[in-house]
Full PDB file with SEQRES, HELIX, SHEET, SSBOND, CRYST1, ORIGX, SCALE, CONECT and MASTER records, all heavy atoms in Angstrom:
SEQRES   1 A   32  LYS THR GLN LEU LEU THR ASP ILE TYR HIS PRO LEU LYS          
SEQRES   2 A   32  ALA HIS SER ALA SER LEU THR ASP LEU THR ILE PHE GLU          
SEQRES   3 A   32  GLY LEU ASP HIS GLN ASN                                      
HELIX    1 AA1 THR A    6  LYS A   13  1                                   8    
HELIX    2 AA2 LEU A   28  HIS A   30  5                                   3    
CRYST1    1.000    1.000    1.000  90.00  90.00  90.00 P 1           1          
ORIGX1      1.000000  0.000000  0.000000        0.00000                         
ORIGX2      0.000000  1.000000  0.000000        0.00000                         
ORIGX3      0.000000  0.000000  1.000000        0.00000                         
SCALE1      1.000000  0.000000  0.000000        0.00000                         
SCALE2      0.000000  1.000000  0.000000        0.00000                         
SCALE3      0.000000  0.000000  1.000000        0.00000                         
ATOM      1  N   LYS A   1      34.399   3.064 -10.704  1.00  0.00           N  
ATOM      2  CA  LYS A   1      34.183   3.042 -12.151  1.00  0.00           C  
ATOM      3  C   LYS A   1      34.699   1.771 -12.796  1.00  0.00           C  
ATOM      4  O   LYS A   1      34.221   1.356 -13.846  1.00  0.00           O  
ATOM      5  CB  LYS A   1      34.870   4.255 -12.787  1.00  0.00           C  
ATOM      6  CG  LYS A   1      34.217   5.591 -12.419  1.00  0.00           C  
ATOM      7  CD  LYS A   1      34.881   6.743 -13.145  1.00  0.00           C  
ATOM      8  CE  LYS A   1      34.207   8.062 -12.805  1.00  0.00           C  
ATOM      9  NZ  LYS A   1      34.832   9.205 -13.514  1.00  0.00           N  
ATOM     10  N   THR A   2      35.680   1.133 -12.181  1.00  0.00           N  
ATOM     11  CA  THR A   2      36.283  -0.058 -12.785  1.00  0.00           C  
ATOM     12  C   THR A   2      35.553  -1.340 -12.400  1.00  0.00           C  
ATOM     13  O   THR A   2      35.884  -2.408 -12.897  1.00  0.00           O  
ATOM     14  CB  THR A   2      37.748  -0.185 -12.358  1.00  0.00           C  
ATOM     15  OG1 THR A   2      37.827  -0.292 -10.923  1.00  0.00           O  
ATOM     16  CG2 THR A   2      38.541   1.039 -12.806  1.00  0.00           C  
ATOM     17  N   GLN A   3      34.570  -1.226 -11.509  1.00  0.00           N  
ATOM     18  CA  GLN A   3      33.924  -2.432 -11.027  1.00  0.00           C  
ATOM     19  C   GLN A   3      32.828  -2.920 -11.990  1.00  0.00           C  
ATOM     20  O   GLN A   3      32.071  -2.126 -12.538  1.00  0.00           O  
ATOM     21  CB  GLN A   3      33.302  -2.178  -9.643  1.00  0.00           C  
ATOM     22  CG  GLN A   3      34.302  -1.739  -8.594  1.00  0.00           C  
ATOM     23  CD  GLN A   3      35.429  -2.726  -8.431  1.00  0.00           C  
ATOM     24  OE1 GLN A   3      35.202  -3.927  -8.340  1.00  0.00           O  
ATOM     25  NE2 GLN A   3      36.654  -2.242  -8.417  1.00  0.00           N  
ATOM     26  N   LEU A   4      32.787  -4.221 -12.176  1.00  0.00           N  
ATOM     27  CA  LEU A   4      31.746  -4.842 -12.993  1.00  0.00           C  
ATOM     28  C   LEU A   4      30.664  -5.378 -12.063  1.00  0.00           C  
ATOM     29  O   LEU A   4      30.939  -6.216 -11.217  1.00  0.00           O  
ATOM     30  CB  LEU A   4      32.337  -5.981 -13.837  1.00  0.00           C  
ATOM     31  CG  LEU A   4      33.405  -5.563 -14.858  1.00  0.00           C  
ATOM     32  CD1 LEU A   4      33.967  -6.801 -15.562  1.00  0.00           C  
ATOM     33  CD2 LEU A   4      32.830  -4.594 -15.881  1.00  0.00           C  
ATOM     34  N   LEU A   5      29.455  -4.886 -12.231  1.00  0.00           N  
ATOM     35  CA  LEU A   5      28.383  -5.254 -11.326  1.00  0.00           C  
ATOM     36  C   LEU A   5      27.332  -6.131 -12.004  1.00  0.00           C  
ATOM     37  O   LEU A   5      26.160  -6.061 -11.675  1.00  0.00           O  
ATOM     38  CB  LEU A   5      27.718  -3.994 -10.767  1.00  0.00           C  
ATOM     39  CG  LEU A   5      28.602  -3.085  -9.908  1.00  0.00           C  
ATOM     40  CD1 LEU A   5      27.802  -1.906  -9.391  1.00  0.00           C  
ATOM     41  CD2 LEU A   5      29.189  -3.852  -8.750  1.00  0.00           C  
ATOM     42  N   THR A   6      27.752  -6.932 -12.950  1.00  0.00           N  
ATOM     43  CA  THR A   6      26.784  -7.765 -13.658  1.00  0.00           C  
ATOM     44  C   THR A   6      26.073  -8.735 -12.717  1.00  0.00           C  
ATOM     45  O   THR A   6      24.882  -9.011 -12.892  1.00  0.00           O  
ATOM     46  CB  THR A   6      27.485  -8.566 -14.773  1.00  0.00           C  
ATOM     47  OG1 THR A   6      28.585  -9.305 -14.211  1.00  0.00           O  
ATOM     48  CG2 THR A   6      28.012  -7.634 -15.847  1.00  0.00           C  
ATOM     49  N   ASP A   7      26.791  -9.264 -11.725  1.00  0.00           N  
ATOM     50  CA  ASP A   7      26.171 -10.212 -10.803  1.00  0.00           C  
ATOM     51  C   ASP A   7      25.158  -9.529  -9.888  1.00  0.00           C  
ATOM     52  O   ASP A   7      24.263 -10.186  -9.349  1.00  0.00           O  
ATOM     53  CB  ASP A   7      27.228 -10.937  -9.965  1.00  0.00           C  
ATOM     54  CG  ASP A   7      28.123  -9.979  -9.183  1.00  0.00           C  
ATOM     55  OD1 ASP A   7      28.143  -8.782  -9.517  1.00  0.00           O  
ATOM     56  OD2 ASP A   7      28.808 -10.438  -8.251  1.00  0.00           O  
ATOM     57  N   ILE A   8      25.275  -8.203  -9.726  1.00  0.00           N  
ATOM     58  CA  ILE A   8      24.320  -7.453  -8.912  1.00  0.00           C  
ATOM     59  C   ILE A   8      23.218  -6.886  -9.792  1.00  0.00           C  
ATOM     60  O   ILE A   8      22.026  -7.002  -9.477  1.00  0.00           O  
ATOM     61  CB  ILE A   8      25.020  -6.300  -8.167  1.00  0.00           C  
ATOM     62  CG1 ILE A   8      26.146  -6.833  -7.283  1.00  0.00           C  
ATOM     63  CG2 ILE A   8      24.008  -5.524  -7.322  1.00  0.00           C  
ATOM     64  CD1 ILE A   8      26.969  -5.733  -6.646  1.00  0.00           C  
ATOM     65  N   TYR A   9      23.615  -6.277 -10.888  1.00  0.00           N  
ATOM     66  CA  TYR A   9      22.664  -5.554 -11.728  1.00  0.00           C  
ATOM     67  C   TYR A   9      21.698  -6.480 -12.459  1.00  0.00           C  
ATOM     68  O   TYR A   9      20.499  -6.214 -12.520  1.00  0.00           O  
ATOM     69  CB  TYR A   9      23.426  -4.680 -12.719  1.00  0.00           C  
ATOM     70  CG  TYR A   9      22.528  -3.969 -13.707  1.00  0.00           C  
ATOM     71  CD1 TYR A   9      21.597  -3.032 -13.277  1.00  0.00           C  
ATOM     72  CD2 TYR A   9      22.591  -4.249 -15.077  1.00  0.00           C  
ATOM     73  CE1 TYR A   9      20.774  -2.383 -14.168  1.00  0.00           C  
ATOM     74  CE2 TYR A   9      21.770  -3.608 -15.964  1.00  0.00           C  
ATOM     75  CZ  TYR A   9      20.860  -2.677 -15.511  1.00  0.00           C  
ATOM     76  OH  TYR A   9      20.041  -2.036 -16.394  1.00  0.00           O  
ATOM     77  N   HIS A  10      22.201  -7.583 -12.996  1.00  0.00           N  
ATOM     78  CA  HIS A  10      21.343  -8.463 -13.790  1.00  0.00           C  
ATOM     79  C   HIS A  10      20.176  -9.067 -13.003  1.00  0.00           C  
ATOM     80  O   HIS A  10      19.049  -9.113 -13.511  1.00  0.00           O  
ATOM     81  CB  HIS A  10      22.176  -9.565 -14.438  1.00  0.00           C  
ATOM     82  CG  HIS A  10      22.981  -9.065 -15.603  1.00  0.00           C  
ATOM     83  ND1 HIS A  10      23.925  -9.832 -16.253  1.00  0.00           N  
ATOM     84  CD2 HIS A  10      22.983  -7.872 -16.232  1.00  0.00           C  
ATOM     85  CE1 HIS A  10      24.471  -9.126 -17.228  1.00  0.00           C  
ATOM     86  NE2 HIS A  10      23.920  -7.932 -17.227  1.00  0.00           N  
ATOM     87  N   PRO A  11      20.379  -9.539 -11.767  1.00  0.00           N  
ATOM     88  CA  PRO A  11      19.227 -10.070 -11.021  1.00  0.00           C  
ATOM     89  C   PRO A  11      18.156  -9.012 -10.773  1.00  0.00           C  
ATOM     90  O   PRO A  11      16.965  -9.311 -10.772  1.00  0.00           O  
ATOM     91  CB  PRO A  11      19.847 -10.537  -9.705  1.00  0.00           C  
ATOM     92  CG  PRO A  11      21.273 -10.764 -10.008  1.00  0.00           C  
ATOM     93  CD  PRO A  11      21.633  -9.728 -11.028  1.00  0.00           C  
ATOM     94  N   LEU A  12      18.595  -7.760 -10.566  1.00  0.00           N  
ATOM     95  CA  LEU A  12      17.643  -6.694 -10.275  1.00  0.00           C  
ATOM     96  C   LEU A  12      17.103  -6.051 -11.545  1.00  0.00           C  
ATOM     97  O   LEU A  12      16.056  -5.416 -11.519  1.00  0.00           O  
ATOM     98  CB  LEU A  12      18.301  -5.642  -9.378  1.00  0.00           C  
ATOM     99  CG  LEU A  12      18.780  -6.168  -8.022  1.00  0.00           C  
ATOM    100  CD1 LEU A  12      19.487  -5.063  -7.239  1.00  0.00           C  
ATOM    101  CD2 LEU A  12      17.628  -6.722  -7.201  1.00  0.00           C  
ATOM    102  N   LYS A  13      17.831  -6.212 -12.664  1.00  0.00           N  
ATOM    103  CA  LYS A  13      17.372  -5.664 -13.935  1.00  0.00           C  
ATOM    104  C   LYS A  13      16.066  -6.316 -14.357  1.00  0.00           C  
ATOM    105  O   LYS A  13      15.256  -5.728 -15.072  1.00  0.00           O  
ATOM    106  CB  LYS A  13      18.437  -5.871 -15.019  1.00  0.00           C  
ATOM    107  CG  LYS A  13      18.114  -5.182 -16.333  1.00  0.00           C  
ATOM    108  CD  LYS A  13      19.235  -5.394 -17.351  1.00  0.00           C  
ATOM    109  CE  LYS A  13      18.899  -4.703 -18.673  1.00  0.00           C  
ATOM    110  NZ  LYS A  13      19.967  -4.907 -19.688  1.00  0.00           N  
ATOM    111  N   ALA A  14      15.852  -7.543 -13.907  1.00  0.00           N  
ATOM    112  CA  ALA A  14      14.608  -8.233 -14.218  1.00  0.00           C  
ATOM    113  C   ALA A  14      13.411  -7.483 -13.659  1.00  0.00           C  
ATOM    114  O   ALA A  14      12.284  -7.671 -14.103  1.00  0.00           O  
ATOM    115  CB  ALA A  14      14.644  -9.655 -13.653  1.00  0.00           C  
ATOM    116  N   HIS A  15      13.669  -6.617 -12.679  1.00  0.00           N  
ATOM    117  CA  HIS A  15      12.607  -5.811 -12.090  1.00  0.00           C  
ATOM    118  C   HIS A  15      12.555  -4.430 -12.729  1.00  0.00           C  
ATOM    119  O   HIS A  15      11.923  -3.525 -12.193  1.00  0.00           O  
ATOM    120  CB  HIS A  15      12.834  -5.679 -10.586  1.00  0.00           C  
ATOM    121  CG  HIS A  15      12.914  -6.994  -9.880  1.00  0.00           C  
ATOM    122  ND1 HIS A  15      11.822  -7.763  -9.601  1.00  0.00           N  
ATOM    123  CD2 HIS A  15      13.976  -7.684  -9.414  1.00  0.00           C  
ATOM    124  CE1 HIS A  15      12.194  -8.858  -8.985  1.00  0.00           C  
ATOM    125  NE2 HIS A  15      13.499  -8.834  -8.855  1.00  0.00           N  
ATOM    126  N   SER A  16      13.271  -4.243 -13.831  1.00  0.00           N  
ATOM    127  CA  SER A  16      13.404  -3.010 -14.605  1.00  0.00           C  
ATOM    128  C   SER A  16      14.321  -2.024 -13.898  1.00  0.00           C  
ATOM    129  O   SER A  16      14.307  -1.909 -12.677  1.00  0.00           O  
ATOM    130  CB  SER A  16      12.055  -2.340 -14.889  1.00  0.00           C  
ATOM    131  OG  SER A  16      11.599  -1.604 -13.802  1.00  0.00           O  
ATOM    132  N   ALA A  17      15.145  -1.325 -14.643  1.00  0.00           N  
ATOM    133  CA  ALA A  17      16.099  -0.398 -14.038  1.00  0.00           C  
ATOM    134  C   ALA A  17      16.455   0.712 -15.001  1.00  0.00           C  
ATOM    135  O   ALA A  17      16.477   0.522 -16.212  1.00  0.00           O  
ATOM    136  CB  ALA A  17      17.360  -1.147 -13.629  1.00  0.00           C  
ATOM    137  N   SER A  18      16.750   1.891 -14.472  1.00  0.00           N  
ATOM    138  CA  SER A  18      17.283   2.988 -15.264  1.00  0.00           C  
ATOM    139  C   SER A  18      18.580   3.422 -14.613  1.00  0.00           C  
ATOM    140  O   SER A  18      18.689   3.447 -13.387  1.00  0.00           O  
ATOM    141  CB  SER A  18      16.294   4.165 -15.304  1.00  0.00           C  
ATOM    142  OG  SER A  18      16.042   4.642 -14.004  1.00  0.00           O  
ATOM    143  N   LEU A  19      19.589   3.752 -15.401  1.00  0.00           N  
ATOM    144  CA  LEU A  19      20.905   4.060 -14.881  1.00  0.00           C  
ATOM    145  C   LEU A  19      21.220   5.541 -15.024  1.00  0.00           C  
ATOM    146  O   LEU A  19      20.893   6.152 -16.034  1.00  0.00           O  
ATOM    147  CB  LEU A  19      21.975   3.247 -15.619  1.00  0.00           C  
ATOM    148  CG  LEU A  19      21.770   1.736 -15.660  1.00  0.00           C  
ATOM    149  CD1 LEU A  19      22.922   1.086 -16.403  1.00  0.00           C  
ATOM    150  CD2 LEU A  19      21.655   1.171 -14.265  1.00  0.00           C  
ATOM    151  N   THR A  20      21.854   6.099 -14.019  1.00  0.00           N  
ATOM    152  CA  THR A  20      22.299   7.483 -14.057  1.00  0.00           C  
ATOM    153  C   THR A  20      23.694   7.561 -13.469  1.00  0.00           C  
ATOM    154  O   THR A  20      23.914   7.102 -12.349  1.00  0.00           O  
ATOM    155  CB  THR A  20      21.360   8.400 -13.244  1.00  0.00           C  
ATOM    156  OG1 THR A  20      20.042   8.257 -13.739  1.00  0.00           O  
ATOM    157  CG2 THR A  20      21.787   9.854 -13.366  1.00  0.00           C  
ATOM    158  N   ASP A  21      24.625   8.127 -14.218  1.00  0.00           N  
ATOM    159  CA  ASP A  21      25.993   8.285 -13.734  1.00  0.00           C  
ATOM    160  C   ASP A  21      26.075   9.593 -12.960  1.00  0.00           C  
ATOM    161  O   ASP A  21      26.074  10.664 -13.547  1.00  0.00           O  
ATOM    162  CB  ASP A  21      26.974   8.297 -14.917  1.00  0.00           C  
ATOM    163  CG  ASP A  21      28.417   8.390 -14.430  1.00  0.00           C  
ATOM    164  OD1 ASP A  21      28.622   8.489 -13.219  1.00  0.00           O  
ATOM    165  OD2 ASP A  21      29.319   8.356 -15.265  1.00  0.00           O  
ATOM    166  N   LEU A  22      26.106   9.506 -11.642  1.00  0.00           N  
ATOM    167  CA  LEU A  22      26.150  10.672 -10.792  1.00  0.00           C  
ATOM    168  C   LEU A  22      27.517  10.736 -10.108  1.00  0.00           C  
ATOM    169  O   LEU A  22      27.738  10.088  -9.090  1.00  0.00           O  
ATOM    170  CB  LEU A  22      25.036  10.627  -9.743  1.00  0.00           C  
ATOM    171  CG  LEU A  22      23.608  10.568 -10.299  1.00  0.00           C  
ATOM    172  CD1 LEU A  22      22.616  10.393  -9.169  1.00  0.00           C  
ATOM    173  CD2 LEU A  22      23.289  11.831 -11.068  1.00  0.00           C  
ATOM    174  N   THR A  23      28.438  11.480 -10.679  1.00  0.00           N  
ATOM    175  CA  THR A  23      29.781  11.554 -10.115  1.00  0.00           C  
ATOM    176  C   THR A  23      29.878  12.595  -9.006  1.00  0.00           C  
ATOM    177  O   THR A  23      30.877  12.666  -8.310  1.00  0.00           O  
ATOM    178  CB  THR A  23      30.802  11.916 -11.208  1.00  0.00           C  
ATOM    179  OG1 THR A  23      30.393  13.137 -11.831  1.00  0.00           O  
ATOM    180  CG2 THR A  23      30.867  10.822 -12.253  1.00  0.00           C  
ATOM    181  N   ILE A  24      28.816  13.411  -8.844  1.00  0.00           N  
ATOM    182  CA  ILE A  24      28.759  14.347  -7.726  1.00  0.00           C  
ATOM    183  C   ILE A  24      27.436  14.124  -7.012  1.00  0.00           C  
ATOM    184  O   ILE A  24      26.533  13.474  -7.537  1.00  0.00           O  
ATOM    185  CB  ILE A  24      28.865  15.812  -8.196  1.00  0.00           C  
ATOM    186  CG1 ILE A  24      27.750  16.141  -9.200  1.00  0.00           C  
ATOM    187  CG2 ILE A  24      30.219  16.089  -8.823  1.00  0.00           C  
ATOM    188  CD1 ILE A  24      27.750  17.591  -9.630  1.00  0.00           C  
ATOM    189  N   PHE A  25      27.320  14.663  -5.806  1.00  0.00           N  
ATOM    190  CA  PHE A  25      26.147  14.388  -4.994  1.00  0.00           C  
ATOM    191  C   PHE A  25      25.058  15.444  -5.137  1.00  0.00           C  
ATOM    192  O   PHE A  25      24.110  15.454  -4.366  1.00  0.00           O  
ATOM    193  CB  PHE A  25      26.549  14.285  -3.523  1.00  0.00           C  
ATOM    194  CG  PHE A  25      27.251  13.002  -3.194  1.00  0.00           C  
ATOM    195  CD1 PHE A  25      27.951  12.877  -2.013  1.00  0.00           C  
ATOM    196  CD2 PHE A  25      27.216  11.924  -4.069  1.00  0.00           C  
ATOM    197  CE1 PHE A  25      28.597  11.695  -1.704  1.00  0.00           C  
ATOM    198  CE2 PHE A  25      27.860  10.756  -3.767  1.00  0.00           C  
ATOM    199  CZ  PHE A  25      28.562  10.635  -2.578  1.00  0.00           C  
ATOM    200  N   GLU A  26      25.195  16.321  -6.112  1.00  0.00           N  
ATOM    201  CA  GLU A  26      24.207  17.378  -6.282  1.00  0.00           C  
ATOM    202  C   GLU A  26      22.822  16.786  -6.542  1.00  0.00           C  
ATOM    203  O   GLU A  26      22.635  15.987  -7.453  1.00  0.00           O  
ATOM    204  CB  GLU A  26      24.598  18.285  -7.446  1.00  0.00           C  
ATOM    205  CG  GLU A  26      23.652  19.453  -7.648  1.00  0.00           C  
ATOM    206  CD  GLU A  26      24.090  20.355  -8.797  1.00  0.00           C  
ATOM    207  OE1 GLU A  26      25.179  20.111  -9.360  1.00  0.00           O  
ATOM    208  OE2 GLU A  26      23.345  21.281  -9.117  1.00  0.00           O  
ATOM    209  N   GLY A  27      21.887  17.174  -5.711  1.00  0.00           N  
ATOM    210  CA  GLY A  27      20.519  16.699  -5.880  1.00  0.00           C  
ATOM    211  C   GLY A  27      20.187  15.447  -5.102  1.00  0.00           C  
ATOM    212  O   GLY A  27      19.019  15.129  -4.901  1.00  0.00           O  
ATOM    213  N   LEU A  28      21.195  14.700  -4.651  1.00  0.00           N  
ATOM    214  CA  LEU A  28      20.923  13.451  -3.943  1.00  0.00           C  
ATOM    215  C   LEU A  28      20.235  13.689  -2.604  1.00  0.00           C  
ATOM    216  O   LEU A  28      19.466  12.852  -2.140  1.00  0.00           O  
ATOM    217  CB  LEU A  28      22.220  12.671  -3.713  1.00  0.00           C  
ATOM    218  CG  LEU A  28      22.747  11.867  -4.898  1.00  0.00           C  
ATOM    219  CD1 LEU A  28      24.000  11.115  -4.504  1.00  0.00           C  
ATOM    220  CD2 LEU A  28      21.694  10.900  -5.420  1.00  0.00           C  
ATOM    221  N   ASP A  29      20.521  14.839  -1.966  1.00  0.00           N  
ATOM    222  CA  ASP A  29      19.923  15.097  -0.666  1.00  0.00           C  
ATOM    223  C   ASP A  29      18.429  15.399  -0.764  1.00  0.00           C  
ATOM    224  O   ASP A  29      17.742  15.477   0.248  1.00  0.00           O  
ATOM    225  CB  ASP A  29      20.652  16.247   0.052  1.00  0.00           C  
ATOM    226  CG  ASP A  29      20.731  17.509  -0.801  1.00  0.00           C  
ATOM    227  OD1 ASP A  29      20.491  17.400  -2.012  1.00  0.00           O  
ATOM    228  OD2 ASP A  29      21.031  18.584  -0.247  1.00  0.00           O  
ATOM    229  N   HIS A  30      17.929  15.544  -1.993  1.00  0.00           N  
ATOM    230  CA  HIS A  30      16.499  15.783  -2.181  1.00  0.00           C  
ATOM    231  C   HIS A  30      15.778  14.527  -2.677  1.00  0.00           C  
ATOM    232  O   HIS A  30      14.592  14.582  -2.987  1.00  0.00           O  
ATOM    233  CB  HIS A  30      16.272  16.929  -3.177  1.00  0.00           C  
ATOM    234  CG  HIS A  30      16.875  18.226  -2.743  1.00  0.00           C  
ATOM    235  ND1 HIS A  30      16.496  18.866  -1.584  1.00  0.00           N  
ATOM    236  CD2 HIS A  30      17.846  18.999  -3.295  1.00  0.00           C  
ATOM    237  CE1 HIS A  30      17.187  19.986  -1.449  1.00  0.00           C  
ATOM    238  NE2 HIS A  30      18.012  20.086  -2.465  1.00  0.00           N  
ATOM    239  N   GLN A  31      16.503  13.427  -2.751  1.00  0.00           N  
ATOM    240  CA  GLN A  31      15.898  12.176  -3.199  1.00  0.00           C  
ATOM    241  C   GLN A  31      15.787  11.209  -2.033  1.00  0.00           C  
ATOM    242  O   GLN A  31      16.567  11.269  -1.084  1.00  0.00           O  
ATOM    243  CB  GLN A  31      16.737  11.550  -4.316  1.00  0.00           C  
ATOM    244  CG  GLN A  31      16.851  12.422  -5.552  1.00  0.00           C  
ATOM    245  CD  GLN A  31      17.565  11.716  -6.676  1.00  0.00           C  
ATOM    246  OE1 GLN A  31      17.291  10.558  -6.976  1.00  0.00           O  
ATOM    247  NE2 GLN A  31      18.499  12.401  -7.309  1.00  0.00           N  
ATOM    248  N   ASN A  32      14.813  10.334  -2.121  1.00  0.00           N  
ATOM    249  CA  ASN A  32      14.594   9.354  -1.059  1.00  0.00           C  
ATOM    250  C   ASN A  32      14.802   7.945  -1.590  1.00  0.00           C  
ATOM    251  O   ASN A  32      14.077   7.494  -2.482  1.00  0.00           O  
ATOM    252  CB  ASN A  32      13.173   9.493  -0.499  1.00  0.00           C  
ATOM    253  CG  ASN A  32      12.959  10.802   0.222  1.00  0.00           C  
ATOM    254  OD1 ASN A  32      13.765  11.183   1.064  1.00  0.00           O  
ATOM    255  ND2 ASN A  32      11.878  11.499  -0.108  1.00  0.00           N  
TER     256      ASN A  32                                                      
MASTER        0    0    0    2    0    0    0    6  255    1    0    3          
END                                                                             
């Protein structure tokens, strides 16, 4: 939570992005 990912997120944001804060893994096993 304390990490700043601007150097990662900004280059990829140019390709459009949506953010979701998932603090638990519920539902992740059904995503690819």
